[in-house]
Amino acid sequence: MVIKPPSDVFMIRYEGAELFSPDLSIRYVVLGKGFGLDMARWAQWLISEAERLVRTYSMVIRSRDR
């Protein structure tokens, strides 16, 4: 299943990250594309998608039982 959330859930797009040890003596660079999400909007979207899928599935089951 491919999920396609609306663009307003994405706060930032990035192409890597820097990781530091607690005393900042060691630094790692990790490459890779990713996204930062607005968790409140993400959660709202996930809930609405789940509700939509339940309604759709319920309609399919009811129409099959007739």
C-alpha atoms as a PDB file:
ATOM      1  CA  MET A   1       0.000   0.000   0.000  1.00  0.00           C
ATOM      2  CA  VAL A   2       1.338   3.400  -0.940  1.00  0.00           C
ATOM      3  CA  ILE A   3       0.373   6.221   1.355  1.00  0.00           C
ATOM      4  CA  LYS A   4       0.184   9.765   0.056  1.00  0.00           C
ATOM      5  CA  PRO A   5      -0.323  12.240   2.884  1.00  0.00           C
ATOM      6  CA  PRO A   6      -1.116  15.851   2.036  1.00  0.00           C
ATOM      7  CA  SER A   7       1.828  18.208   1.694  1.00  0.00           C
ATOM      8  CA  ASP A   8       0.877  20.178   4.836  1.00  0.00           C
ATOM      9  CA  VAL A   9       2.067  17.310   7.078  1.00  0.00           C
ATOM     10  CA  PHE A  10       5.661  17.786   5.889  1.00  0.00           C
ATOM     11  CA  MET A  11       7.582  20.395   7.868  1.00  0.00           C
ATOM     12  CA  ILE A  12      11.005  19.926   6.292  1.00  0.00           C
ATOM     13  CA  ARG A  13      12.741  17.798   3.696  1.00  0.00           C
ATOM     14  CA  TYR A  14      16.350  16.840   4.286  1.00  0.00           C
ATOM     15  CA  GLU A  15      19.176  14.978   2.585  1.00  0.00           C
ATOM     16  CA  GLY A  16      21.253  13.895   5.539  1.00  0.00           C
ATOM     17  CA  ALA A  17      21.958  14.437   9.202  1.00  0.00           C
ATOM     18  CA  GLU A  18      24.871  15.164  11.486  1.00  0.00           C
ATOM     19  CA  LEU A  19      25.147  13.089  14.639  1.00  0.00           C
ATOM     20  CA  PHE A  20      27.336  14.178  17.553  1.00  0.00           C
ATOM     21  CA  SER A  21      28.571  12.404  20.669  1.00  0.00           C
ATOM     22  CA  PRO A  22      27.400  13.949  23.970  1.00  0.00           C
ATOM     23  CA  ASP A  23      30.714  15.777  24.456  1.00  0.00           C
ATOM     24  CA  LEU A  24      30.778  16.824  20.748  1.00  0.00           C
ATOM     25  CA  SER A  25      34.154  15.157  20.225  1.00  0.00           C
ATOM     26  CA  ILE A  26      32.819  12.767  17.553  1.00  0.00           C
ATOM     27  CA  ARG A  27      30.741  13.745  14.546  1.00  0.00           C
ATOM     28  CA  TYR A  28      29.105  11.438  12.001  1.00  0.00           C
ATOM     29  CA  VAL A  29      27.426  12.470   8.770  1.00  0.00           C
ATOM     30  CA  VAL A  30      24.598  10.213   7.614  1.00  0.00           C
ATOM     31  CA  LEU A  31      23.434  10.716   4.047  1.00  0.00           C
ATOM     32  CA  GLY A  32      19.919   9.946   2.894  1.00  0.00           C
ATOM     33  CA  LYS A  33      16.714  11.701   1.991  1.00  0.00           C
ATOM     34  CA  GLY A  34      13.905  12.073   4.478  1.00  0.00           C
ATOM     35  CA  PHE A  35      11.133  14.229   5.862  1.00  0.00           C
ATOM     36  CA  GLY A  36      10.275  15.918   9.113  1.00  0.00           C
ATOM     37  CA  LEU A  37       6.570  15.659   9.886  1.00  0.00           C
ATOM     38  CA  ASP A  38       4.107  17.808  11.793  1.00  0.00           C
ATOM     39  CA  MET A  39       3.027  14.999  14.110  1.00  0.00           C
ATOM     40  CA  ALA A  40      -0.361  16.544  14.967  1.00  0.00           C
ATOM     41  CA  ARG A  41      -1.311  16.886  11.285  1.00  0.00           C
ATOM     42  CA  TRP A  42       0.151  13.461  10.515  1.00  0.00           C
ATOM     43  CA  ALA A  43      -1.951  11.859  13.272  1.00  0.00           C
ATOM     44  CA  GLN A  44      -5.108  13.654  12.107  1.00  0.00           C
ATOM     45  CA  TRP A  45      -4.494  12.495   8.557  1.00  0.00           C
ATOM     46  CA  LEU A  46      -3.870   8.889   9.650  1.00  0.00           C
ATOM     47  CA  ILE A  47      -7.089   8.856  11.666  1.00  0.00           C
ATOM     48  CA  SER A  48      -9.123  10.238   8.770  1.00  0.00           C
ATOM     49  CA  GLU A  49      -7.579   7.689   6.374  1.00  0.00           C
ATOM     50  CA  ALA A  50      -8.344   4.830   8.764  1.00  0.00           C
ATOM     51  CA  GLU A  51     -11.950   6.008   9.085  1.00  0.00           C
ATOM     52  CA  ARG A  52     -12.264   6.278   5.308  1.00  0.00           C
ATOM     53  CA  LEU A  53     -10.876   2.766   4.809  1.00  0.00           C
ATOM     54  CA  VAL A  54     -13.224   1.306   7.433  1.00  0.00           C
ATOM     55  CA  ARG A  55     -16.225   2.952   5.738  1.00  0.00           C
ATOM     56  CA  THR A  56     -15.111   1.667   2.323  1.00  0.00           C
ATOM     57  CA  TYR A  57     -14.470  -1.850   3.615  1.00  0.00           C
ATOM     58  CA  SER A  58     -17.814  -1.882   5.430  1.00  0.00           C
ATOM     59  CA  MET A  59     -19.636  -0.909   2.224  1.00  0.00           C
ATOM     60  CA  VAL A  60     -17.877  -3.688   0.317  1.00  0.00           C
ATOM     61  CA  ILE A  61     -18.826  -6.284   2.942  1.00  0.00           C
ATOM     62  CA  ARG A  62     -22.467  -5.105   3.018  1.00  0.00           C
ATOM     63  CA  SER A  63     -22.783  -5.144  -0.772  1.00  0.00           C
ATOM     64  CA  ARG A  64     -21.255  -8.634  -0.918  1.00  0.00           C
ATOM     65  CA  ASP A  65     -23.722  -9.960   1.681  1.00  0.00           C
ATOM     66  CA  ARG A  66     -26.777  -8.897  -0.321  1.00  0.00           C
END
